[in-house]
């Protein structure tokens, strides 16, 4: 895939790690760091379940109207999938529908991913 791994960090040798602080979209909005979004695009190489979990309040809000989510499927050796994060495409779609979205699969660029458009 073009661009795959272009933002990765490779450790040449040793057991060193780099700790990166993370937060959730719900916390960013609650703390006033950013306004609540009305359109969301999720493309996180298999970690879609974590992103959706971290923005449940935002996704439940009526002003968040559209979500585009690229769901990475299992069977590709060079990158993680939703399965690696304890979920499945059907579970993600069901979760979005529980938040009040109508979902549809839209065009995809390969057999290793699907793209979902969820609208309220």
N, C-alpha and C. Protein backbone atom coordinates (compact mmCIF):
# COMPACT_ATOMS: atom_id res chain seq x y z
N UNK A 1 0.84 -1.18 0.00
CA UNK A 1 0.00 0.00 0.00
C UNK A 1 0.88 1.24 0.00
N UNK A 2 0.53 2.20 -0.80
CA UNK A 2 1.26 3.46 -0.84
C UNK A 2 1.17 4.13 0.52
N UNK A 3 2.31 4.53 1.06
CA UNK A 3 2.34 5.24 2.32
C UNK A 3 2.29 4.36 3.54
N UNK A 4 2.06 3.05 3.38
CA UNK A 4 1.99 2.18 4.53
C UNK A 4 3.31 2.20 5.29
N UNK A 5 3.23 2.45 6.57
CA UNK A 5 4.42 2.44 7.40
C UNK A 5 5.25 3.69 7.33
N UNK A 6 4.82 4.69 6.57
CA UNK A 6 5.64 5.88 6.40
C UNK A 6 5.74 6.69 7.68
N UNK A 7 4.87 6.44 8.63
CA UNK A 7 4.92 7.17 9.90
C UNK A 7 5.34 6.27 11.05
N UNK A 8 5.85 5.11 10.75
CA UNK A 8 6.23 4.20 11.82
C UNK A 8 7.62 4.52 12.35
N UNK A 9 7.84 4.07 13.56
CA UNK A 9 9.15 4.23 14.19
C UNK A 9 9.76 2.85 14.32
N UNK A 10 10.94 2.66 13.74
CA UNK A 10 11.62 1.39 13.82
C UNK A 10 12.76 1.50 14.81
N UNK A 11 12.79 0.58 15.74
CA UNK A 11 13.89 0.52 16.69
C UNK A 11 14.95 -0.38 16.09
N UNK A 12 16.14 0.16 15.93
CA UNK A 12 17.22 -0.60 15.29
C UNK A 12 17.66 -1.79 16.14
N UNK A 13 17.83 -1.59 17.43
CA UNK A 13 18.23 -2.69 18.31
C UNK A 13 17.89 -2.32 19.74
N UNK A 14 17.89 -3.31 20.59
CA UNK A 14 17.64 -3.06 22.01
C UNK A 14 16.18 -3.22 22.37
N UNK A 15 15.92 -2.95 23.62
CA UNK A 15 14.57 -3.10 24.16
C UNK A 15 13.93 -1.76 24.48
N UNK A 16 14.39 -0.70 23.85
CA UNK A 16 13.88 0.62 24.18
C UNK A 16 12.45 0.80 23.69
N UNK A 17 11.72 1.60 24.43
CA UNK A 17 10.35 1.93 24.05
C UNK A 17 10.17 3.43 24.14
N UNK A 18 9.14 3.90 23.48
CA UNK A 18 8.78 5.31 23.55
C UNK A 18 7.34 5.36 24.04
N UNK A 19 7.11 6.10 25.12
CA UNK A 19 5.75 6.24 25.65
C UNK A 19 5.14 7.51 25.06
N UNK A 20 3.97 7.36 24.50
CA UNK A 20 3.25 8.47 23.88
C UNK A 20 1.96 8.68 24.67
N UNK A 21 1.77 9.89 25.22
CA UNK A 21 0.51 10.12 25.93
C UNK A 21 -0.67 10.15 24.96
N UNK A 22 -1.77 9.58 25.39
CA UNK A 22 -2.97 9.58 24.56
C UNK A 22 -4.16 10.09 25.37
N UNK A 23 -5.21 10.43 24.68
CA UNK A 23 -6.45 10.84 25.32
C UNK A 23 -7.60 10.43 24.42
N UNK A 24 -8.80 10.80 24.79
CA UNK A 24 -9.97 10.47 23.98
C UNK A 24 -10.58 11.75 23.42
N UNK A 25 -11.37 11.59 22.38
CA UNK A 25 -12.08 12.73 21.81
C UNK A 25 -13.06 13.28 22.84
N UNK A 26 -13.73 12.40 23.58
CA UNK A 26 -14.65 12.87 24.61
C UNK A 26 -13.95 13.78 25.61
N UNK A 27 -12.73 13.42 26.04
CA UNK A 27 -11.98 14.27 26.99
C UNK A 27 -11.55 15.58 26.35
N UNK A 28 -11.11 15.53 25.09
CA UNK A 28 -10.69 16.76 24.40
C UNK A 28 -11.84 17.76 24.34
N UNK A 29 -13.01 17.28 24.00
CA UNK A 29 -14.17 18.17 23.91
C UNK A 29 -14.58 18.65 25.31
N UNK A 30 -14.64 17.74 26.27
CA UNK A 30 -15.04 18.10 27.64
C UNK A 30 -14.09 19.14 28.25
N UNK A 31 -12.81 19.06 27.92
CA UNK A 31 -11.81 19.99 28.45
C UNK A 31 -11.70 21.27 27.63
N UNK A 32 -12.52 21.41 26.59
CA UNK A 32 -12.50 22.62 25.78
C UNK A 32 -11.33 22.74 24.83
N UNK A 33 -10.61 21.65 24.61
CA UNK A 33 -9.46 21.68 23.70
C UNK A 33 -9.92 21.83 22.26
N UNK A 34 -11.08 21.23 21.94
CA UNK A 34 -11.63 21.36 20.59
C UNK A 34 -13.15 21.34 20.68
N UNK A 35 -13.81 21.90 19.68
CA UNK A 35 -15.28 21.89 19.70
C UNK A 35 -15.81 20.51 19.32
N UNK A 36 -17.05 20.22 19.68
CA UNK A 36 -17.62 18.93 19.28
C UNK A 36 -17.73 18.85 17.75
N UNK A 37 -17.29 17.76 17.17
CA UNK A 37 -17.37 17.64 15.71
C UNK A 37 -18.77 17.28 15.26
N UNK A 38 -19.10 17.67 14.01
CA UNK A 38 -20.35 17.21 13.43
C UNK A 38 -20.10 16.20 12.31
N UNK A 39 -18.84 16.09 11.90
CA UNK A 39 -18.40 15.08 10.93
C UNK A 39 -17.12 14.45 11.47
N UNK A 40 -17.02 13.13 11.41
CA UNK A 40 -15.86 12.41 11.92
C UNK A 40 -15.36 11.44 10.85
N UNK A 41 -14.04 11.39 10.68
CA UNK A 41 -13.43 10.38 9.82
C UNK A 41 -12.47 9.56 10.68
N UNK A 42 -12.65 8.25 10.66
CA UNK A 42 -11.81 7.35 11.45
C UNK A 42 -11.04 6.44 10.49
N UNK A 43 -9.72 6.51 10.55
CA UNK A 43 -8.84 5.66 9.75
C UNK A 43 -7.60 5.41 10.59
N UNK A 44 -7.65 4.37 11.41
CA UNK A 44 -6.62 4.16 12.42
C UNK A 44 -6.02 2.75 12.40
N UNK A 45 -5.97 2.15 11.23
CA UNK A 45 -5.25 0.88 11.04
C UNK A 45 -5.65 -0.21 12.04
N UNK A 46 -6.93 -0.44 12.18
CA UNK A 46 -7.42 -1.53 13.02
C UNK A 46 -7.88 -1.11 14.40
N UNK A 47 -7.47 0.04 14.88
CA UNK A 47 -7.83 0.48 16.24
C UNK A 47 -9.18 1.19 16.28
N UNK A 48 -10.00 0.98 15.29
CA UNK A 48 -11.32 1.61 15.24
C UNK A 48 -12.13 1.40 16.51
N UNK A 49 -12.13 0.18 17.11
CA UNK A 49 -12.91 0.00 18.34
C UNK A 49 -12.46 0.94 19.48
N UNK A 50 -11.17 1.19 19.58
CA UNK A 50 -10.66 2.07 20.63
C UNK A 50 -11.12 3.51 20.41
N UNK A 51 -11.10 3.95 19.16
CA UNK A 51 -11.51 5.32 18.85
C UNK A 51 -12.99 5.50 19.14
N UNK A 52 -13.80 4.56 18.71
CA UNK A 52 -15.24 4.65 18.94
C UNK A 52 -15.54 4.62 20.44
N UNK A 53 -14.84 3.78 21.18
CA UNK A 53 -15.02 3.72 22.64
C UNK A 53 -14.66 5.06 23.29
N UNK A 54 -13.65 5.73 22.76
CA UNK A 54 -13.20 6.99 23.33
C UNK A 54 -13.99 8.21 22.89
N UNK A 55 -15.02 7.99 22.11
CA UNK A 55 -15.85 9.13 21.71
C UNK A 55 -17.34 8.80 21.75
N UNK A 56 -17.71 7.95 22.69
CA UNK A 56 -19.11 7.54 22.81
C UNK A 56 -20.04 8.72 23.08
N UNK A 57 -19.63 9.66 23.93
CA UNK A 57 -20.49 10.83 24.22
C UNK A 57 -20.68 11.67 22.97
N UNK A 58 -19.60 11.88 22.22
CA UNK A 58 -19.67 12.68 21.00
C UNK A 58 -20.57 11.99 19.97
N UNK A 59 -20.37 10.69 19.79
CA UNK A 59 -21.16 9.95 18.79
C UNK A 59 -22.63 9.86 19.19
N UNK A 60 -22.92 9.92 20.48
CA UNK A 60 -24.30 9.89 20.94
C UNK A 60 -25.01 11.23 20.78
N UNK A 61 -24.23 12.30 20.69
CA UNK A 61 -24.81 13.65 20.59
C UNK A 61 -25.51 13.84 19.25
N UNK A 62 -26.54 14.63 19.26
CA UNK A 62 -27.32 14.85 18.03
C UNK A 62 -26.56 15.68 17.00
N UNK A 63 -25.61 16.51 17.43
CA UNK A 63 -24.91 17.36 16.47
C UNK A 63 -23.81 16.63 15.69
N UNK A 64 -23.43 15.44 16.10
CA UNK A 64 -22.47 14.64 15.31
C UNK A 64 -23.29 13.87 14.29
N UNK A 65 -23.29 14.37 13.06
CA UNK A 65 -24.24 13.89 12.04
C UNK A 65 -23.71 12.81 11.10
N UNK A 66 -22.38 12.81 10.85
CA UNK A 66 -21.82 11.87 9.87
C UNK A 66 -20.51 11.30 10.39
N UNK A 67 -20.35 9.98 10.22
CA UNK A 67 -19.10 9.31 10.56
C UNK A 67 -18.68 8.48 9.36
N UNK A 68 -17.46 8.69 8.92
CA UNK A 68 -16.85 7.82 7.92
C UNK A 68 -15.83 6.98 8.66
N UNK A 69 -15.89 5.68 8.51
CA UNK A 69 -14.98 4.80 9.24
C UNK A 69 -14.42 3.75 8.29
N UNK A 70 -13.10 3.77 8.15
CA UNK A 70 -12.43 2.74 7.37
C UNK A 70 -12.10 1.60 8.33
N UNK A 71 -12.66 0.44 8.07
CA UNK A 71 -12.49 -0.71 8.95
C UNK A 71 -11.50 -1.67 8.30
N UNK A 72 -10.41 -1.92 9.01
CA UNK A 72 -9.36 -2.80 8.50
C UNK A 72 -9.67 -4.25 8.86
N UNK A 73 -9.71 -5.09 7.85
CA UNK A 73 -10.10 -6.48 8.00
C UNK A 73 -8.90 -7.37 8.29
N UNK A 74 -9.17 -8.54 8.85
CA UNK A 74 -8.10 -9.49 9.13
C UNK A 74 -7.61 -10.14 7.84
N UNK A 75 -6.48 -10.80 7.93
CA UNK A 75 -5.93 -11.50 6.77
C UNK A 75 -4.84 -10.74 6.05
N UNK A 76 -4.45 -9.58 6.57
CA UNK A 76 -3.36 -8.82 5.98
C UNK A 76 -2.21 -8.85 6.98
N UNK A 77 -1.10 -9.47 6.60
CA UNK A 77 0.02 -9.67 7.53
C UNK A 77 0.69 -8.38 7.95
N UNK A 78 0.70 -7.38 7.11
CA UNK A 78 1.53 -6.20 7.37
C UNK A 78 0.86 -5.11 8.20
N UNK A 79 -0.38 -5.33 8.64
CA UNK A 79 -1.02 -4.33 9.50
C UNK A 79 -2.09 -4.97 10.36
N UNK A 80 -2.41 -4.31 11.49
CA UNK A 80 -3.45 -4.84 12.38
C UNK A 80 -4.85 -4.69 11.78
N UNK A 81 -5.78 -5.43 12.35
CA UNK A 81 -7.18 -5.36 11.93
C UNK A 81 -8.06 -5.14 13.15
N UNK A 82 -9.35 -4.93 12.94
CA UNK A 82 -10.27 -4.77 14.06
C UNK A 82 -10.28 -6.01 14.94
N UNK A 83 -10.04 -7.18 14.34
CA UNK A 83 -9.97 -8.42 15.11
C UNK A 83 -8.85 -8.37 16.14
N UNK A 84 -7.73 -7.74 15.78
CA UNK A 84 -6.60 -7.63 16.70
C UNK A 84 -6.94 -6.75 17.91
N UNK A 85 -7.99 -5.96 17.81
CA UNK A 85 -8.43 -5.09 18.90
C UNK A 85 -9.73 -5.60 19.53
N UNK A 86 -10.01 -6.89 19.31
CA UNK A 86 -11.14 -7.54 19.98
C UNK A 86 -12.51 -7.19 19.44
N UNK A 87 -12.60 -6.86 18.16
CA UNK A 87 -13.89 -6.49 17.60
C UNK A 87 -14.04 -7.11 16.21
N UNK A 88 -15.10 -6.70 15.53
CA UNK A 88 -15.36 -7.16 14.17
C UNK A 88 -16.08 -6.03 13.43
N UNK A 89 -16.09 -6.08 12.10
CA UNK A 89 -16.86 -5.06 11.37
C UNK A 89 -18.32 -5.00 11.80
N UNK A 90 -18.95 -6.15 11.98
CA UNK A 90 -20.37 -6.17 12.38
C UNK A 90 -20.57 -5.52 13.75
N UNK A 91 -19.64 -5.74 14.68
CA UNK A 91 -19.76 -5.12 16.01
C UNK A 91 -19.63 -3.60 15.91
N UNK A 92 -18.71 -3.11 15.09
CA UNK A 92 -18.55 -1.66 14.93
C UNK A 92 -19.79 -1.04 14.30
N UNK A 93 -20.31 -1.69 13.29
CA UNK A 93 -21.52 -1.19 12.63
C UNK A 93 -22.69 -1.18 13.63
N UNK A 94 -22.83 -2.23 14.40
CA UNK A 94 -23.90 -2.32 15.40
C UNK A 94 -23.76 -1.21 16.44
N UNK A 95 -22.53 -0.93 16.86
CA UNK A 95 -22.31 0.12 17.86
C UNK A 95 -22.73 1.48 17.30
N UNK A 96 -22.35 1.76 16.06
CA UNK A 96 -22.76 3.03 15.45
C UNK A 96 -24.28 3.11 15.35
N UNK A 97 -24.91 2.02 15.00
CA UNK A 97 -26.37 2.01 14.91
C UNK A 97 -27.02 2.22 16.28
N UNK A 98 -26.39 1.72 17.34
CA UNK A 98 -26.90 1.95 18.70
C UNK A 98 -26.83 3.43 19.08
N UNK A 99 -25.89 4.16 18.48
CA UNK A 99 -25.79 5.60 18.72
C UNK A 99 -26.79 6.39 17.87
N UNK A 100 -27.59 5.70 17.07
CA UNK A 100 -28.62 6.37 16.29
C UNK A 100 -28.27 6.62 14.83
N UNK A 101 -27.20 6.01 14.36
CA UNK A 101 -26.79 6.20 12.97
C UNK A 101 -27.40 5.14 12.07
N UNK A 102 -27.63 5.52 10.83
CA UNK A 102 -27.96 4.58 9.76
C UNK A 102 -26.66 4.36 9.01
N UNK A 103 -26.29 3.11 8.81
CA UNK A 103 -24.99 2.81 8.21
C UNK A 103 -25.14 2.23 6.81
N UNK A 104 -24.14 2.51 6.01
CA UNK A 104 -24.05 1.90 4.68
C UNK A 104 -22.60 1.71 4.33
N UNK A 105 -22.32 0.61 3.63
CA UNK A 105 -20.97 0.38 3.13
C UNK A 105 -20.82 1.18 1.85
N UNK A 106 -19.73 1.92 1.77
CA UNK A 106 -19.46 2.68 0.55
C UNK A 106 -18.18 2.16 -0.08
N UNK A 107 -17.79 2.69 -1.21
CA UNK A 107 -16.63 2.21 -1.97
C UNK A 107 -15.42 1.91 -1.13
N UNK A 108 -14.71 0.88 -1.51
CA UNK A 108 -13.49 0.49 -0.82
C UNK A 108 -12.38 0.32 -1.84
N UNK A 109 -11.17 0.56 -1.39
CA UNK A 109 -10.04 0.52 -2.33
C UNK A 109 -9.40 -0.86 -2.43
N UNK A 110 -9.75 -1.77 -1.53
CA UNK A 110 -9.15 -3.10 -1.58
C UNK A 110 -10.03 -4.08 -0.80
N UNK A 111 -9.63 -5.34 -0.83
CA UNK A 111 -10.36 -6.37 -0.09
C UNK A 111 -9.93 -6.43 1.37
N UNK A 112 -8.96 -5.60 1.76
CA UNK A 112 -8.45 -5.64 3.13
C UNK A 112 -9.13 -4.63 4.04
N UNK A 113 -10.09 -3.89 3.51
CA UNK A 113 -10.79 -2.89 4.32
C UNK A 113 -12.15 -2.60 3.72
N UNK A 114 -13.04 -2.10 4.57
CA UNK A 114 -14.32 -1.60 4.09
C UNK A 114 -14.51 -0.20 4.68
N UNK A 115 -15.26 0.61 4.00
CA UNK A 115 -15.54 1.95 4.50
C UNK A 115 -17.02 2.06 4.77
N UNK A 116 -17.33 2.57 5.95
CA UNK A 116 -18.70 2.73 6.40
C UNK A 116 -19.03 4.23 6.45
N UNK A 117 -20.21 4.57 5.95
CA UNK A 117 -20.73 5.92 6.14
C UNK A 117 -21.93 5.78 7.07
N UNK A 118 -21.87 6.49 8.20
CA UNK A 118 -22.95 6.45 9.18
C UNK A 118 -23.54 7.85 9.28
N UNK A 119 -24.86 7.95 9.14
CA UNK A 119 -25.51 9.26 9.17
C UNK A 119 -26.67 9.27 10.14
N UNK A 120 -26.93 10.45 10.71
CA UNK A 120 -28.11 10.63 11.59
C UNK A 120 -29.10 11.50 10.86
